[in-house]
């Protein structure tokens, strides 16, 4: 139970970072945000590699 809570917290935190990054960097497209969410288990992968998978 504690582990799943920690994972949820981490994913939420990553999502917040992504949202802030997109708001601060107009070069990011909304589909990048979607891609990051879809590939949340592959945070270390480059966003560009997963760009078209949304």
C-alpha atoms as a PDB file:
ATOM      1  CA  UNK A   1       0.000   0.000   0.000  1.00  0.00           C
ATOM      2  CA  UNK A   2       2.755   2.399   0.946  1.00  0.00           C
ATOM      3  CA  UNK A   3       4.660   1.576  -2.222  1.00  0.00           C
ATOM      4  CA  UNK A   4       1.708   2.321  -4.489  1.00  0.00           C
ATOM      5  CA  UNK A   5       1.162   5.614  -2.666  1.00  0.00           C
ATOM      6  CA  UNK A   6       4.790   6.526  -3.218  1.00  0.00           C
ATOM      7  CA  UNK A   7       4.520   5.669  -6.909  1.00  0.00           C
ATOM      8  CA  UNK A   8       1.363   7.761  -7.238  1.00  0.00           C
ATOM      9  CA  UNK A   9       3.039  10.676  -5.487  1.00  0.00           C
ATOM     10  CA  UNK A  10       6.075  10.387  -7.758  1.00  0.00           C
ATOM     11  CA  UNK A  11       3.934  10.285 -10.903  1.00  0.00           C
ATOM     12  CA  UNK A  12       1.959  13.297  -9.698  1.00  0.00           C
ATOM     13  CA  UNK A  13       5.167  15.175  -8.971  1.00  0.00           C
ATOM     14  CA  UNK A  14       6.562  14.326 -12.422  1.00  0.00           C
ATOM     15  CA  UNK A  15       3.304  15.471 -14.017  1.00  0.00           C
ATOM     16  CA  UNK A  16       3.550  18.812 -12.200  1.00  0.00           C
ATOM     17  CA  UNK A  17       7.130  19.244 -13.406  1.00  0.00           C
ATOM     18  CA  UNK A  18       6.060  18.452 -16.969  1.00  0.00           C
ATOM     19  CA  UNK A  19       3.186  20.939 -16.805  1.00  0.00           C
ATOM     20  CA  UNK A  20       5.477  23.669 -15.470  1.00  0.00           C
ATOM     21  CA  UNK A  21       8.068  22.876 -18.139  1.00  0.00           C
ATOM     22  CA  UNK A  22       5.479  23.134 -20.906  1.00  0.00           C
ATOM     23  CA  UNK A  23       4.106  26.399 -19.541  1.00  0.00           C
ATOM     24  CA  UNK A  24       7.616  27.848 -19.317  1.00  0.00           C
ATOM     25  CA  UNK A  25       8.790  26.527 -22.689  1.00  0.00           C
ATOM     26  CA  UNK A  26       6.505  27.416 -25.596  1.00  0.00           C
ATOM     27  CA  UNK A  27       8.555  25.088 -27.811  1.00  0.00           C
ATOM     28  CA  UNK A  28       6.854  22.095 -26.198  1.00  0.00           C
ATOM     29  CA  UNK A  29       3.758  20.867 -27.985  1.00  0.00           C
ATOM     30  CA  UNK A  30       0.760  19.549 -26.067  1.00  0.00           C
ATOM     31  CA  UNK A  31       1.291  16.091 -27.569  1.00  0.00           C
ATOM     32  CA  UNK A  32       4.636  15.924 -25.784  1.00  0.00           C
ATOM     33  CA  UNK A  33       2.737  16.235 -22.499  1.00  0.00           C
ATOM     34  CA  UNK A  34       0.404  13.439 -23.604  1.00  0.00           C
ATOM     35  CA  UNK A  35       3.375  11.308 -24.633  1.00  0.00           C
ATOM     36  CA  UNK A  36       5.075  11.775 -21.272  1.00  0.00           C
ATOM     37  CA  UNK A  37       1.924  10.656 -19.479  1.00  0.00           C
ATOM     38  CA  UNK A  38       1.539   7.641 -21.769  1.00  0.00           C
ATOM     39  CA  UNK A  39       5.144   6.648 -21.204  1.00  0.00           C
ATOM     40  CA  UNK A  40       5.347   7.543 -17.519  1.00  0.00           C
ATOM     41  CA  UNK A  41       7.137   4.271 -16.830  1.00  0.00           C
ATOM     42  CA  UNK A  42       9.853   5.244 -19.303  1.00  0.00           C
ATOM     43  CA  UNK A  43      10.842   8.626 -17.868  1.00  0.00           C
ATOM     44  CA  UNK A  44      14.458   8.056 -18.871  1.00  0.00           C
ATOM     45  CA  UNK A  45      13.541   7.668 -22.543  1.00  0.00           C
ATOM     46  CA  UNK A  46      13.916  10.793 -24.613  1.00  0.00           C
ATOM     47  CA  UNK A  47      10.650  12.586 -25.291  1.00  0.00           C
ATOM     48  CA  UNK A  48      11.435  12.846 -29.008  1.00  0.00           C
ATOM     49  CA  UNK A  49      11.696   9.053 -29.322  1.00  0.00           C
ATOM     50  CA  UNK A  50       8.132   8.690 -28.045  1.00  0.00           C
ATOM     51  CA  UNK A  51       6.738  11.822 -29.669  1.00  0.00           C
ATOM     52  CA  UNK A  52       4.523  10.072 -32.219  1.00  0.00           C
ATOM     53  CA  UNK A  53       3.184   7.403 -29.873  1.00  0.00           C
ATOM     54  CA  UNK A  54       0.484   9.487 -28.242  1.00  0.00           C
END
